[in-house]
């Protein structure tokens, strides 16, 4: 009886920690707030990669398959920051990724942080 109670408690705690970890996890498929792109964020080696899965308007040079390789460190449970490398354009940006309850915010900056752009992302179900 005690063993069963301990097993149930361990299972409940494992589920609780699993749910908590998922809440602060950027992995998955995300839709950009302007409706122009869907990306998949997944590990690629020791880094994270955001790969374009779908692009509505390719006139700005974005294409399916383009990747952003992110070297990010966790600053808090909901914030990662570091750099992002765009191999297609051969550019590196400073990057902050903020995980919110219902989505992500990415902030990319160039020129020492003088020019920044925030993009909101919603999870794709």
PDB file of N, CA and C in Angstrom:
ATOM      1  N   UNK A   1       0.817  -1.189   0.000  1.00  0.00           N
ATOM      2  CA  UNK A   1       0.000   0.000   0.000  1.00  0.00           C
ATOM      3  C   UNK A   1       0.864   1.258   0.000  1.00  0.00           C
ATOM      4  N   UNK A   2       1.887   1.288   0.849  1.00  0.00           N
ATOM      5  CA  UNK A   2       2.779   2.445   0.914  1.00  0.00           C
ATOM      6  C   UNK A   2       3.546   2.579  -0.389  1.00  0.00           C
ATOM      7  N   UNK A   3       3.981   1.459  -0.951  1.00  0.00           N
ATOM      8  CA  UNK A   3       4.697   1.500  -2.226  1.00  0.00           C
ATOM      9  C   UNK A   3       3.823   2.082  -3.326  1.00  0.00           C
ATOM     10  N   UNK A   4       2.553   1.708  -3.336  1.00  0.00           N
ATOM     11  CA  UNK A   4       1.644   2.241  -4.344  1.00  0.00           C
ATOM     12  C   UNK A   4       1.457   3.745  -4.166  1.00  0.00           C
ATOM     13  N   UNK A   5       1.325   4.174  -2.924  1.00  0.00           N
ATOM     14  CA  UNK A   5       1.167   5.609  -2.654  1.00  0.00           C
ATOM     15  C   UNK A   5       2.404   6.372  -3.093  1.00  0.00           C
ATOM     16  N   UNK A   6       3.589   5.834  -2.825  1.00  0.00           N
ATOM     17  CA  UNK A   6       4.834   6.478  -3.244  1.00  0.00           C
ATOM     18  C   UNK A   6       4.907   6.525  -4.772  1.00  0.00           C
ATOM     19  N   UNK A   7       4.524   5.418  -5.417  1.00  0.00           N
ATOM     20  CA  UNK A   7       4.552   5.366  -6.879  1.00  0.00           C
ATOM     21  C   UNK A   7       3.611   6.417  -7.468  1.00  0.00           C
ATOM     22  N   UNK A   8       2.420   6.565  -6.883  1.00  0.00           N
ATOM     23  CA  UNK A   8       1.466   7.563  -7.368  1.00  0.00           C
ATOM     24  C   UNK A   8       2.030   8.972  -7.184  1.00  0.00           C
ATOM     25  N   UNK A   9       2.653   9.239  -6.026  1.00  0.00           N
ATOM     26  CA  UNK A   9       3.250  10.561  -5.775  1.00  0.00           C
ATOM     27  C   UNK A   9       4.373  10.850  -6.760  1.00  0.00           C
ATOM     28  N   UNK A  10       5.230   9.863  -7.000  1.00  0.00           N
ATOM     29  CA  UNK A  10       6.338  10.050  -7.951  1.00  0.00           C
ATOM     30  C   UNK A  10       5.781  10.315  -9.343  1.00  0.00           C
ATOM     31  N   UNK A  11       4.764   9.564  -9.750  1.00  0.00           N
ATOM     32  CA  UNK A  11       4.150   9.769 -11.056  1.00  0.00           C
ATOM     33  C   UNK A  11       3.550  11.170 -11.159  1.00  0.00           C
ATOM     34  N   UNK A  12       2.837  11.609 -10.117  1.00  0.00           N
ATOM     35  CA  UNK A  12       2.220  12.937 -10.127  1.00  0.00           C
ATOM     36  C   UNK A  12       3.275  14.035 -10.214  1.00  0.00           C
ATOM     37  N   UNK A  13       4.359  13.892  -9.451  1.00  0.00           N
ATOM     38  CA  UNK A  13       5.427  14.888  -9.499  1.00  0.00           C
ATOM     39  C   UNK A  13       6.095  14.914 -10.866  1.00  0.00           C
ATOM     40  N   UNK A  14       6.305  13.743 -11.455  1.00  0.00           N
ATOM     41  CA  UNK A  14       6.900  13.661 -12.783  1.00  0.00           C
ATOM     42  C   UNK A  14       6.020  14.384 -13.796  1.00  0.00           C
ATOM     43  N   UNK A  15       4.708  14.160 -13.723  1.00  0.00           N
ATOM     44  CA  UNK A  15       3.784  14.847 -14.638  1.00  0.00           C
ATOM     45  C   UNK A  15       3.813  16.348 -14.412  1.00  0.00           C
ATOM     46  N   UNK A  16       3.838  16.757 -13.154  1.00  0.00           N
ATOM     47  CA  UNK A  16       3.862  18.176 -12.832  1.00  0.00           C
ATOM     48  C   UNK A  16       5.114  18.837 -13.395  1.00  0.00           C
ATOM     49  N   UNK A  17       6.287  18.212 -13.192  1.00  0.00           N
ATOM     50  CA  UNK A  17       7.524  18.781 -13.721  1.00  0.00           C
ATOM     51  C   UNK A  17       7.527  18.759 -15.242  1.00  0.00           C
ATOM     52  N   UNK A  18       6.942  17.748 -15.842  1.00  0.00           N
ATOM     53  CA  UNK A  18       6.870  17.657 -17.292  1.00  0.00           C
ATOM     54  C   UNK A  18       6.020  18.791 -17.856  1.00  0.00           C
ATOM     55  N   UNK A  19       4.876  19.054 -17.239  1.00  0.00           N
ATOM     56  CA  UNK A  19       4.014  20.146 -17.683  1.00  0.00           C
ATOM     57  C   UNK A  19       4.728  21.471 -17.504  1.00  0.00           C
ATOM     58  N   UNK A  20       5.400  21.654 -16.377  1.00  0.00           N
ATOM     59  CA  UNK A  20       6.138  22.890 -16.114  1.00  0.00           C
ATOM     60  C   UNK A  20       7.232  23.095 -17.149  1.00  0.00           C
ATOM     61  N   UNK A  21       7.951  22.039 -17.498  1.00  0.00           N
ATOM     62  CA  UNK A  21       9.032  22.152 -18.485  1.00  0.00           C
ATOM     63  C   UNK A  21       8.469  22.507 -19.853  1.00  0.00           C
ATOM     64  N   UNK A  22       7.306  21.925 -20.204  1.00  0.00           N
ATOM     65  CA  UNK A  22       6.724  22.223 -21.500  1.00  0.00           C
ATOM     66  C   UNK A  22       6.304  23.686 -21.595  1.00  0.00           C
ATOM     67  N   UNK A  23       5.876  24.270 -20.490  1.00  0.00           N
ATOM     68  CA  UNK A  23       5.420  25.656 -20.512  1.00  0.00           C
ATOM     69  C   UNK A  23       6.554  26.613 -20.844  1.00  0.00           C
ATOM     70  N   UNK A  24       7.792  26.257 -20.530  1.00  0.00           N
ATOM     71  CA  UNK A  24       8.915  27.152 -20.806  1.00  0.00           C
ATOM     72  C   UNK A  24       9.821  26.586 -21.896  1.00  0.00           C
ATOM     73  N   UNK A  25       9.231  25.870 -22.810  1.00  0.00           N
ATOM     74  CA  UNK A  25       9.963  25.179 -23.863  1.00  0.00           C
ATOM     75  C   UNK A  25       9.602  25.799 -25.215  1.00  0.00           C
ATOM     76  N   UNK A  26      10.583  26.244 -26.008  1.00  0.00           N
ATOM     77  CA  UNK A  26      10.273  26.875 -27.295  1.00  0.00           C
ATOM     78  C   UNK A  26      10.055  25.887 -28.437  1.00  0.00           C
ATOM     79  N   UNK A  27      10.221  24.596 -28.187  1.00  0.00           N
ATOM     80  CA  UNK A  27      10.122  23.615 -29.264  1.00  0.00           C
ATOM     81  C   UNK A  27       8.705  23.518 -29.807  1.00  0.00           C
ATOM     82  N   UNK A  28       8.610  23.336 -31.119  1.00  0.00           N
ATOM     83  CA  UNK A  28       7.311  23.139 -31.741  1.00  0.00           C
ATOM     84  C   UNK A  28       7.182  23.920 -33.031  1.00  0.00           C
ATOM     85  N   UNK A  29       5.948  24.001 -33.515  1.00  0.00           N
ATOM     86  CA  UNK A  29       5.654  24.724 -34.749  1.00  0.00           C
ATOM     87  C   UNK A  29       4.917  26.001 -34.366  1.00  0.00           C
ATOM     88  N   UNK A  30       5.388  27.105 -34.930  1.00  0.00           N
ATOM     89  CA  UNK A  30       4.904  28.438 -34.564  1.00  0.00           C
ATOM     90  C   UNK A  30       4.501  29.226 -35.796  1.00  0.00           C
ATOM     91  N   UNK A  31       3.415  29.991 -35.672  1.00  0.00           N
ATOM     92  CA  UNK A  31       2.939  30.865 -36.750  1.00  0.00           C
ATOM     93  C   UNK A  31       3.269  32.309 -36.397  1.00  0.00           C
ATOM     94  N   UNK A  32       3.871  33.014 -37.345  1.00  0.00           N
ATOM     95  CA  UNK A  32       4.215  34.424 -37.142  1.00  0.00           C
ATOM     96  C   UNK A  32       2.945  35.269 -37.136  1.00  0.00           C
ATOM     97  N   UNK A  33       2.936  36.315 -36.316  1.00  0.00           N
ATOM     98  CA  UNK A  33       1.722  37.124 -36.122  1.00  0.00           C
ATOM     99  C   UNK A  33       1.233  37.832 -37.377  1.00  0.00           C
ATOM    100  N   UNK A  34       2.092  38.048 -38.368  1.00  0.00           N
ATOM    101  CA  UNK A  34       1.638  38.696 -39.610  1.00  0.00           C
ATOM    102  C   UNK A  34       1.039  37.695 -40.598  1.00  0.00           C
ATOM    103  N   UNK A  35       1.004  36.409 -40.211  1.00  0.00           N
ATOM    104  CA  UNK A  35       0.419  35.380 -41.067  1.00  0.00           C
ATOM    105  C   UNK A  35       1.279  34.974 -42.238  1.00  0.00           C
ATOM    106  N   UNK A  36       2.530  35.419 -42.279  1.00  0.00           N
ATOM    107  CA  UNK A  36       3.383  35.159 -43.436  1.00  0.00           C
ATOM    108  C   UNK A  36       4.269  33.917 -43.310  1.00  0.00           C
ATOM    109  N   UNK A  37       4.415  33.371 -42.101  1.00  0.00           N
ATOM    110  CA  UNK A  37       5.362  32.264 -41.968  1.00  0.00           C
ATOM    111  C   UNK A  37       4.963  31.299 -40.863  1.00  0.00           C
ATOM    112  N   UNK A  38       5.401  30.060 -41.039  1.00  0.00           N
ATOM    113  CA  UNK A  38       5.355  29.039 -40.001  1.00  0.00           C
ATOM    114  C   UNK A  38       6.747  28.440 -39.909  1.00  0.00           C
ATOM    115  N   UNK A  39       7.216  28.306 -38.671  1.00  0.00           N
ATOM    116  CA  UNK A  39       8.545  27.739 -38.454  1.00  0.00           C
ATOM    117  C   UNK A  39       8.469  26.594 -37.458  1.00  0.00           C
ATOM    118  N   UNK A  40       9.453  25.737 -37.545  1.00  0.00           N
ATOM    119  CA  UNK A  40       9.609  24.668 -36.564  1.00  0.00           C
ATOM    120  C   UNK A  40      10.874  24.976 -35.776  1.00  0.00           C
ATOM    121  N   UNK A  41      10.740  25.049 -34.451  1.00  0.00           N
ATOM    122  CA  UNK A  41      11.904  25.237 -33.588  1.00  0.00           C
ATOM    123  C   UNK A  41      12.218  23.889 -32.962  1.00  0.00           C
ATOM    124  N   UNK A  42      13.452  23.448 -33.171  1.00  0.00           N
ATOM    125  CA  UNK A  42      13.880  22.138 -32.683  1.00  0.00           C
ATOM    126  C   UNK A  42      15.383  22.171 -32.422  1.00  0.00           C
ATOM    127  N   UNK A  43      15.856  21.248 -31.593  1.00  0.00           N
ATOM    128  CA  UNK A  43      17.300  21.168 -31.380  1.00  0.00           C
ATOM    129  C   UNK A  43      18.010  20.803 -32.682  1.00  0.00           C
ATOM    130  N   UNK A  44      19.205  21.364 -32.863  1.00  0.00           N
ATOM    131  CA  UNK A  44      20.082  20.947 -33.955  1.00  0.00           C
ATOM    132  C   UNK A  44      21.490  20.932 -33.360  1.00  0.00           C
ATOM    133  N   UNK A  45      21.893  19.776 -32.927  1.00  0.00           N
ATOM    134  CA  UNK A  45      23.136  19.667 -32.170  1.00  0.00           C
ATOM    135  C   UNK A  45      22.954  20.330 -30.819  1.00  0.00           C
ATOM    136  N   UNK A  46      23.901  21.144 -30.411  1.00  0.00           N
ATOM    137  CA  UNK A  46      23.827  21.838 -29.125  1.00  0.00           C
ATOM    138  C   UNK A  46      23.064  23.158 -29.235  1.00  0.00           C
ATOM    139  N   UNK A  47      22.566  23.468 -30.419  1.00  0.00           N
ATOM    140  CA  UNK A  47      21.889  24.747 -30.657  1.00  0.00           C
ATOM    141  C   UNK A  47      20.403  24.510 -30.943  1.00  0.00           C
ATOM    142  N   UNK A  48      19.686  25.586 -31.177  1.00  0.00           N
ATOM    143  CA  UNK A  48      18.300  25.514 -31.623  1.00  0.00           C
ATOM    144  C   UNK A  48      18.236  25.998 -33.060  1.00  0.00           C
ATOM    145  N   UNK A  49      17.391  25.374 -33.859  1.00  0.00           N
ATOM    146  CA  UNK A  49      17.187  25.837 -35.224  1.00  0.00           C
ATOM    147  C   UNK A  49      15.723  26.174 -35.430  1.00  0.00           C
ATOM    148  N   UNK A  50      15.477  27.300 -36.081  1.00  0.00           N
ATOM    149  CA  UNK A  50      14.139  27.682 -36.527  1.00  0.00           C
ATOM    150  C   UNK A  50      14.143  27.519 -38.038  1.00  0.00           C
ATOM    151  N   UNK A  51      13.353  26.573 -38.519  1.00  0.00           N
ATOM    152  CA  UNK A  51      13.327  26.260 -39.949  1.00  0.00           C
ATOM    153  C   UNK A  51      11.979  26.652 -40.531  1.00  0.00           C
ATOM    154  N   UNK A  52      12.003  27.411 -41.632  1.00  0.00           N
ATOM    155  CA  UNK A  52      10.763  27.797 -42.300  1.00  0.00           C
ATOM    156  C   UNK A  52      10.074  26.570 -42.881  1.00  0.00           C
ATOM    157  N   UNK A  53       8.814  26.359 -42.479  1.00  0.00           N
ATOM    158  CA  UNK A  53       8.011  25.266 -43.027  1.00  0.00           C
ATOM    159  C   UNK A  53       7.062  25.754 -44.115  1.00  0.00           C
ATOM    160  N   UNK A  54       6.657  27.019 -43.987  1.00  0.00           N
ATOM    161  CA  UNK A  54       5.690  27.592 -44.913  1.00  0.00           C
ATOM    162  C   UNK A  54       5.900  29.094 -44.959  1.00  0.00           C
ATOM    163  N   UNK A  55       5.890  29.667 -46.158  1.00  0.00           N
ATOM    164  CA  UNK A  55       6.028  31.109 -46.364  1.00  0.00           C
ATOM    165  C   UNK A  55       4.931  31.547 -47.335  1.00  0.00           C
ATOM    166  N   UNK A  56       4.157  32.543 -46.946  1.00  0.00           N
ATOM    167  CA  UNK A  56       3.084  33.046 -47.801  1.00  0.00           C
ATOM    168  C   UNK A  56       3.633  33.971 -48.876  1.00  0.00           C
ATOM    169  N   UNK A  57       4.463  34.945 -48.484  1.00  0.00           N
ATOM    170  CA  UNK A  57       4.997  35.942 -49.406  1.00  0.00           C
ATOM    171  C   UNK A  57       6.515  35.793 -49.460  1.00  0.00           C
ATOM    172  N   UNK A  58       7.017  35.321 -50.581  1.00  0.00           N
ATOM    173  CA  UNK A  58       8.456  35.094 -50.725  1.00  0.00           C
ATOM    174  C   UNK A  58       9.182  36.293 -51.334  1.00  0.00           C
ATOM    175  N   UNK A  59       8.492  37.424 -51.508  1.00  0.00           N
ATOM    176  CA  UNK A  59       9.095  38.582 -52.179  1.00  0.00           C
ATOM    177  C   UNK A  59      10.259  39.197 -51.391  1.00  0.00           C
ATOM    178  N   UNK A  60      10.342  38.945 -50.096  1.00  0.00           N
ATOM    179  CA  UNK A  60      11.442  39.490 -49.291  1.00  0.00           C
ATOM    180  C   UNK A  60      12.595  38.493 -49.165  1.00  0.00           C
ATOM    181  N   UNK A  61      12.551  37.435 -49.973  1.00  0.00           N
ATOM    182  CA  UNK A  61      13.656  36.491 -50.002  1.00  0.00           C
ATOM    183  C   UNK A  61      13.524  35.315 -49.050  1.00  0.00           C
ATOM    184  N   UNK A  62      12.457  35.269 -48.267  1.00  0.00           N
ATOM    185  CA  UNK A  62      12.267  34.125 -47.379  1.00  0.00           C
ATOM    186  C   UNK A  62      11.748  32.940 -48.180  1.00  0.00           C
ATOM    187  N   UNK A  63      12.270  31.753 -47.857  1.00  0.00           N
ATOM    188  CA  UNK A  63      11.868  30.546 -48.566  1.00  0.00           C
ATOM    189  C   UNK A  63      11.686  29.401 -47.582  1.00  0.00           C
ATOM    190  N   UNK A  64      10.879  28.434 -47.982  1.00  0.00           N
ATOM    191  CA  UNK A  64      10.740  27.209 -47.208  1.00  0.00           C
ATOM    192  C   UNK A  64      12.112  26.551 -47.115  1.00  0.00           C
ATOM    193  N   UNK A  65      12.461  26.097 -45.923  1.00  0.00           N
ATOM    194  CA  UNK A  65      13.756  25.442 -45.715  1.00  0.00           C
ATOM    195  C   UNK A  65      14.824  26.366 -45.151  1.00  0.00           C
ATOM    196  N   UNK A  66      14.633  27.686 -45.252  1.00  0.00           N
ATOM    197  CA  UNK A  66      15.602  28.611 -44.644  1.00  0.00           C
ATOM    198  C   UNK A  66      15.671  28.329 -43.146  1.00  0.00           C
ATOM    199  N   UNK A  67      16.895  28.437 -42.584  1.00  0.00           N
ATOM    200  CA  UNK A  67      17.086  28.158 -41.153  1.00  0.00           C
ATOM    201  C   UNK A  67      17.786  29.308 -40.471  1.00  0.00           C
ATOM    202  N   UNK A  68      17.443  29.478 -39.217  1.00  0.00           N
ATOM    203  CA  UNK A  68      18.123  30.389 -38.314  1.00  0.00           C
ATOM    204  C   UNK A  68      18.715  29.512 -37.226  1.00  0.00           C
ATOM    205  N   UNK A  69      20.023  29.579 -37.034  1.00  0.00           N
ATOM    206  CA  UNK A  69      20.710  28.735 -36.049  1.00  0.00           C
ATOM    207  C   UNK A  69      20.974  29.589 -34.812  1.00  0.00           C
ATOM    208  N   UNK A  70      20.344  29.207 -33.703  1.00  0.00           N
ATOM    209  CA  UNK A  70      20.382  30.026 -32.497  1.00  0.00           C
ATOM    210  C   UNK A  70      21.260  29.405 -31.413  1.00  0.00           C
ATOM    211  N   UNK A  71      22.177  30.205 -30.897  1.00  0.00           N
ATOM    212  CA  UNK A  71      23.010  29.825 -29.749  1.00  0.00           C
ATOM    213  C   UNK A  71      22.487  30.631 -28.565  1.00  0.00           C
ATOM    214  N   UNK A  72      21.591  30.026 -27.810  1.00  0.00           N
ATOM    215  CA  UNK A  72      20.905  30.739 -26.742  1.00  0.00           C
ATOM    216  C   UNK A  72      21.185  30.113 -25.387  1.00  0.00           C
ATOM    217  N   UNK A  73      21.261  30.957 -24.379  1.00  0.00           N
ATOM    218  CA  UNK A  73      21.404  30.508 -23.001  1.00  0.00           C
ATOM    219  C   UNK A  73      20.165  30.916 -22.235  1.00  0.00           C
ATOM    220  N   UNK A  74      19.730  30.062 -21.343  1.00  0.00           N
ATOM    221  CA  UNK A  74      18.557  30.358 -20.533  1.00  0.00           C
ATOM    222  C   UNK A  74      18.905  31.419 -19.505  1.00  0.00           C
ATOM    223  N   UNK A  75      18.164  32.527 -19.511  1.00  0.00           N
ATOM    224  CA  UNK A  75      18.348  33.613 -18.546  1.00  0.00           C
ATOM    225  C   UNK A  75      17.350  33.498 -17.404  1.00  0.00           C
ATOM    226  N   UNK A  76      16.194  32.905 -17.691  1.00  0.00           N
ATOM    227  CA  UNK A  76      15.174  32.652 -16.678  1.00  0.00           C
ATOM    228  C   UNK A  76      14.326  31.499 -17.203  1.00  0.00           C
ATOM    229  N   UNK A  77      13.278  31.172 -16.480  1.00  0.00           N
ATOM    230  CA  UNK A  77      12.407  30.083 -16.910  1.00  0.00           C
ATOM    231  C   UNK A  77      11.730  30.399 -18.237  1.00  0.00           C
ATOM    232  N   UNK A  78      11.578  31.683 -18.545  1.00  0.00           N
ATOM    233  CA  UNK A  78      10.843  32.074 -19.753  1.00  0.00           C
ATOM    234  C   UNK A  78      11.660  32.873 -20.759  1.00  0.00           C
ATOM    235  N   UNK A  79      12.951  33.061 -20.510  1.00  0.00           N
ATOM    236  CA  UNK A  79      13.750  33.879 -21.429  1.00  0.00           C
ATOM    237  C   UNK A  79      15.078  33.213 -21.761  1.00  0.00           C
ATOM    238  N   UNK A  80      15.370  33.200 -23.072  1.00  0.00           N
ATOM    239  CA  UNK A  80      16.655  32.729 -23.567  1.00  0.00           C
ATOM    240  C   UNK A  80      17.258  33.863 -24.377  1.00  0.00           C
ATOM    241  N   UNK A  81      18.566  34.007 -24.316  1.00  0.00           N
ATOM    242  CA  UNK A  81      19.194  35.050 -25.126  1.00  0.00           C
ATOM    243  C   UNK A  81      20.572  34.614 -25.580  1.00  0.00           C
ATOM    244  N   UNK A  82      21.030  35.242 -26.640  1.00  0.00           N
ATOM    245  CA  UNK A  82      22.328  34.925 -27.225  1.00  0.00           C
ATOM    246  C   UNK A  82      22.391  35.465 -28.634  1.00  0.00           C
ATOM    247  N   UNK A  83      22.767  34.596 -29.581  1.00  0.00           N
ATOM    248  CA  UNK A  83      22.894  35.019 -30.973  1.00  0.00           C
ATOM    249  C   UNK A  83      22.127  34.082 -31.889  1.00  0.00           C
ATOM    250  N   UNK A  84      21.824  34.592 -33.065  1.00  0.00           N
ATOM    251  CA  UNK A  84      21.193  33.792 -34.115  1.00  0.00           C
ATOM    252  C   UNK A  84      21.949  34.050 -35.403  1.00  0.00           C
ATOM    253  N   UNK A  85      22.303  32.971 -36.093  1.00  0.00           N
ATOM    254  CA  UNK A  85      23.043  33.070 -37.348  1.00  0.00           C
ATOM    255  C   UNK A  85      22.116  32.691 -38.493  1.00  0.00           C
ATOM    256  N   UNK A  86      22.065  33.559 -39.508  1.00  0.00           N
ATOM    257  CA  UNK A  86      21.286  33.313 -40.718  1.00  0.00           C
ATOM    258  C   UNK A  86      22.270  32.939 -41.820  1.00  0.00           C
ATOM    259  N   UNK A  87      22.428  31.634 -42.114  1.00  0.00           N
ATOM    260  CA  UNK A  87      23.416  31.218 -43.116  1.00  0.00           C
ATOM    261  C   UNK A  87      23.112  31.741 -44.520  1.00  0.00           C
ATOM    262  N   UNK A  88      21.852  31.934 -44.853  1.00  0.00           N
ATOM    263  CA  UNK A  88      21.487  32.410 -46.193  1.00  0.00           C
ATOM    264  C   UNK A  88      22.010  33.825 -46.423  1.00  0.00           C
ATOM    265  N   UNK A  89      21.925  34.661 -45.413  1.00  0.00           N
ATOM    266  CA  UNK A  89      22.359  36.057 -45.538  1.00  0.00           C
ATOM    267  C   UNK A  89      23.740  36.300 -44.931  1.00  0.00           C
ATOM    268  N   UNK A  90      24.312  35.259 -44.332  1.00  0.00           N
ATOM    269  CA  UNK A  90      25.613  35.324 -43.662  1.00  0.00           C
ATOM    270  C   UNK A  90      25.639  36.460 -42.632  1.00  0.00           C
ATOM    271  N   UNK A  91      24.593  36.512 -41.796  1.00  0.00           N
ATOM    272  CA  UNK A  91      24.478  37.539 -40.767  1.00  0.00           C
ATOM    273  C   UNK A  91      24.239  36.906 -39.406  1.00  0.00           C
ATOM    274  N   UNK A  92      24.781  37.559 -38.389  1.00  0.00           N
ATOM    275  CA  UNK A  92      24.543  37.149 -37.013  1.00  0.00           C
ATOM    276  C   UNK A  92      23.826  38.284 -36.295  1.00  0.00           C
ATOM    277  N   UNK A  93      22.797  37.929 -35.558  1.00  0.00           N
ATOM    278  CA  UNK A  93      21.982  38.893 -34.820  1.00  0.00           C
ATOM    279  C   UNK A  93      22.062  38.579 -33.335  1.00  0.00           C
ATOM    280  N   UNK A  94      21.898  39.585 -32.488  1.00  0.00           N
ATOM    281  CA  UNK A  94      21.657  39.274 -31.086  1.00  0.00           C
ATOM    282  C   UNK A  94      20.189  38.864 -31.015  1.00  0.00           C
ATOM    283  N   UNK A  95      19.901  37.887 -30.176  1.00  0.00           N
ATOM    284  CA  UNK A  95      18.554  37.303 -30.160  1.00  0.00           C
ATOM    285  C   UNK A  95      18.091  37.096 -28.731  1.00  0.00           C
ATOM    286  N   UNK A  96      16.842  37.462 -28.490  1.00  0.00           N
ATOM    287  CA  UNK A  96      16.176  37.137 -27.238  1.00  0.00           C
ATOM    288  C   UNK A  96      14.885  36.424 -27.596  1.00  0.00           C
ATOM    289  N   UNK A  97      14.624  35.330 -26.923  1.00  0.00           N
ATOM    290  CA  UNK A  97      13.412  34.561 -27.140  1.00  0.00           C
ATOM    291  C   UNK A  97      12.672  34.524 -25.807  1.00  0.00           C
ATOM    292  N   UNK A  98      11.455  35.033 -25.789  1.00  0.00           N
ATOM    293  CA  UNK A  98      10.651  35.085 -24.571  1.00  0.00           C
ATOM    294  C   UNK A  98       9.470  34.139 -24.738  1.00  0.00           C
ATOM    295  N   UNK A  99       9.344  33.223 -23.806  1.00  0.00           N
ATOM    296  CA  UNK A  99       8.275  32.235 -23.840  1.00  0.00           C
ATOM    297  C   UNK A  99       7.135  32.741 -22.968  1.00  0.00           C
ATOM    298  N   UNK A 100       5.983  32.935 -23.595  1.00  0.00           N
ATOM    299  CA  UNK A 100       4.805  33.397 -22.870  1.00  0.00           C
ATOM    300  C   UNK A 100       3.786  32.270 -22.777  1.00  0.00           C
ATOM    301  N   UNK A 101       2.749  32.508 -22.012  1.00  0.00           N
ATOM    302  CA  UNK A 101       1.722  31.494 -21.798  1.00  0.00           C
ATOM    303  C   UNK A 101       1.106  31.025 -23.114  1.00  0.00           C
ATOM    304  N   UNK A 102       0.845  31.953 -24.033  1.00  0.00           N
ATOM    305  CA  UNK A 102       0.166  31.613 -25.286  1.00  0.00           C
ATOM    306  C   UNK A 102       1.013  31.836 -26.526  1.00  0.00           C
ATOM    307  N   UNK A 103       2.336  31.888 -26.382  1.00  0.00           N
ATOM    308  CA  UNK A 103       3.164  32.085 -27.559  1.00  0.00           C
ATOM    309  C   UNK A 103       4.593  32.456 -27.240  1.00  0.00           C
ATOM    310  N   UNK A 104       5.274  32.942 -28.248  1.00  0.00           N
ATOM    311  CA  UNK A 104       6.665  33.365 -28.142  1.00  0.00           C
ATOM    312  C   UNK A 104       6.796  34.794 -28.652  1.00  0.00           C
ATOM    313  N   UNK A 105       7.817  35.459 -28.148  1.00  0.00           N
ATOM    314  CA  UNK A 105       8.251  36.724 -28.729  1.00  0.00           C
ATOM    315  C   UNK A 105       9.725  36.552 -29.053  1.00  0.00           C
ATOM    316  N   UNK A 106      10.100  36.880 -30.282  1.00  0.00           N
ATOM    317  CA  UNK A 106      11.521  36.888 -30.629  1.00  0.00           C
ATOM    318  C   UNK A 106      11.920  38.338 -30.865  1.00  0.00           C
ATOM    319  N   UNK A 107      13.088  38.685 -30.357  1.00  0.00           N
ATOM    320  CA  UNK A 107      13.643  40.026 -30.568  1.00  0.00           C
ATOM    321  C   UNK A 107      15.023  39.838 -31.187  1.00  0.00           C
ATOM    322  N   UNK A 108      15.159  40.299 -32.428  1.00  0.00           N
ATOM    323  CA  UNK A 108      16.439  40.251 -33.111  1.00  0.00           C
ATOM    324  C   UNK A 108      16.982  41.652 -33.266  1.00  0.00           C
ATOM    325  N   UNK A 109      18.272  41.824 -32.992  1.00  0.00           N
ATOM    326  CA  UNK A 109      18.889  43.151 -33.062  1.00  0.00           C
ATOM    327  C   UNK A 109      20.175  43.097 -33.883  1.00  0.00           C
ATOM    328  N   UNK A 110      20.477  44.232 -34.531  1.00  0.00           N
ATOM    329  CA  UNK A 110      21.743  44.401 -35.241  1.00  0.00           C
ATOM    330  C   UNK A 110      22.351  45.734 -34.814  1.00  0.00           C
ATOM    331  N   UNK A 111      23.540  45.994 -35.279  1.00  0.00           N
ATOM    332  CA  UNK A 111      24.274  47.240 -35.002  1.00  0.00           C
ATOM    333  C   UNK A 111      24.338  47.503 -33.495  1.00  0.00           C
ATOM    334  N   UNK A 112      24.810  46.508 -32.781  1.00  0.00           N
ATOM    335  CA  UNK A 112      24.996  46.660 -31.335  1.00  0.00           C
ATOM    336  C   UNK A 112      23.721  46.928 -30.571  1.00  0.00           C
ATOM    337  N   UNK A 113      22.591  46.451 -31.084  1.00  0.00           N
ATOM    338  CA  UNK A 113      21.322  46.636 -30.405  1.00  0.00           C
ATOM    339  C   UNK A 113      20.606  47.924 -30.747  1.00  0.00           C
ATOM    340  N   UNK A 114      21.118  48.676 -31.728  1.00  0.00           N
ATOM    341  CA  UNK A 114      20.466  49.936 -32.110  1.00  0.00           C
ATOM    342  C   UNK A 114      19.191  49.701 -32.921  1.00  0.00           C
ATOM    343  N   UNK A 115      19.192  48.682 -33.750  1.00  0.00           N
ATOM    344  CA  UNK A 115      18.023  48.344 -34.549  1.00  0.00           C
ATOM    345  C   UNK A 115      17.515  46.975 -34.118  1.00  0.00           C
ATOM    346  N   UNK A 116      16.297  46.954 -33.583  1.00  0.00           N
ATOM    347  CA  UNK A 116      15.710  45.705 -33.096  1.00  0.00           C
ATOM    348  C   UNK A 116      14.314  45.539 -33.677  1.00  0.00           C
ATOM    349  N   UNK A 117      13.902  44.290 -33.754  1.00  0.00           N
ATOM    350  CA  UNK A 117      12.556  43.973 -34.231  1.00  0.00           C
ATOM    351  C   UNK A 117      11.993  42.846 -33.390  1.00  0.00           C
ATOM    352  N   UNK A 118      10.793  43.066 -32.866  1.00  0.00           N
ATOM    353  CA  UNK A 118      10.084  42.026 -32.130  1.00  0.00           C
ATOM    354  C   UNK A 118       9.082  41.360 -33.059  1.00  0.00           C
ATOM    355  N   UNK A 119       8.960  40.037 -32.930  1.00  0.00           N
ATOM    356  CA  UNK A 119       7.967  39.284 -33.683  1.00  0.00           C
ATOM    357  C   UNK A 119       7.236  38.380 -32.699  1.00  0.00           C
ATOM    358  N   UNK A 120       5.917  38.375 -32.779  1.00  0.00           N
ATOM    359  CA  UNK A 120       5.096  37.506 -31.947  1.00  0.00           C
ATOM    360  C   UNK A 120       4.774  36.234 -32.720  1.00  0.00           C
ATOM    361  N   UNK A 121       4.749  35.114 -31.989  1.00  0.00           N
ATOM    362  CA  UNK A 121       4.500  33.813 -32.572  1.00  0.00           C
ATOM    363  C   UNK A 121       3.426  33.092 -31.761  1.00  0.00           C
ATOM    364  N   UNK A 122       2.519  32.416 -32.454  1.00  0.00           N
ATOM    365  CA  UNK A 122       1.475  31.617 -31.802  1.00  0.00           C
ATOM    366  C   UNK A 122       1.723  30.161 -32.118  1.00  0.00           C
ATOM    367  N   UNK A 123       1.442  29.263 -31.161  1.00  0.00           N
ATOM    368  CA  UNK A 123       1.639  27.844 -31.442  1.00  0.00           C
ATOM    369  C   UNK A 123       0.642  27.362 -32.485  1.00  0.00           C
ATOM    370  N   UNK A 124       1.094  26.463 -33.356  1.00  0.00           N
ATOM    371  CA  UNK A 124       0.230  25.850 -34.358  1.00  0.00           C
ATOM    372  C   UNK A 124      -0.220  24.514 -33.795  1.00  0.00           C
ATOM    373  N   UNK A 125      -1.488  24.329 -33.768  1.00  0.00           N
ATOM    374  CA  UNK A 125      -2.059  23.089 -33.200  1.00  0.00           C
ATOM    375  C   UNK A 125      -2.130  22.017 -34.256  1.00  0.00           C
TER     376      UNK A 125
END
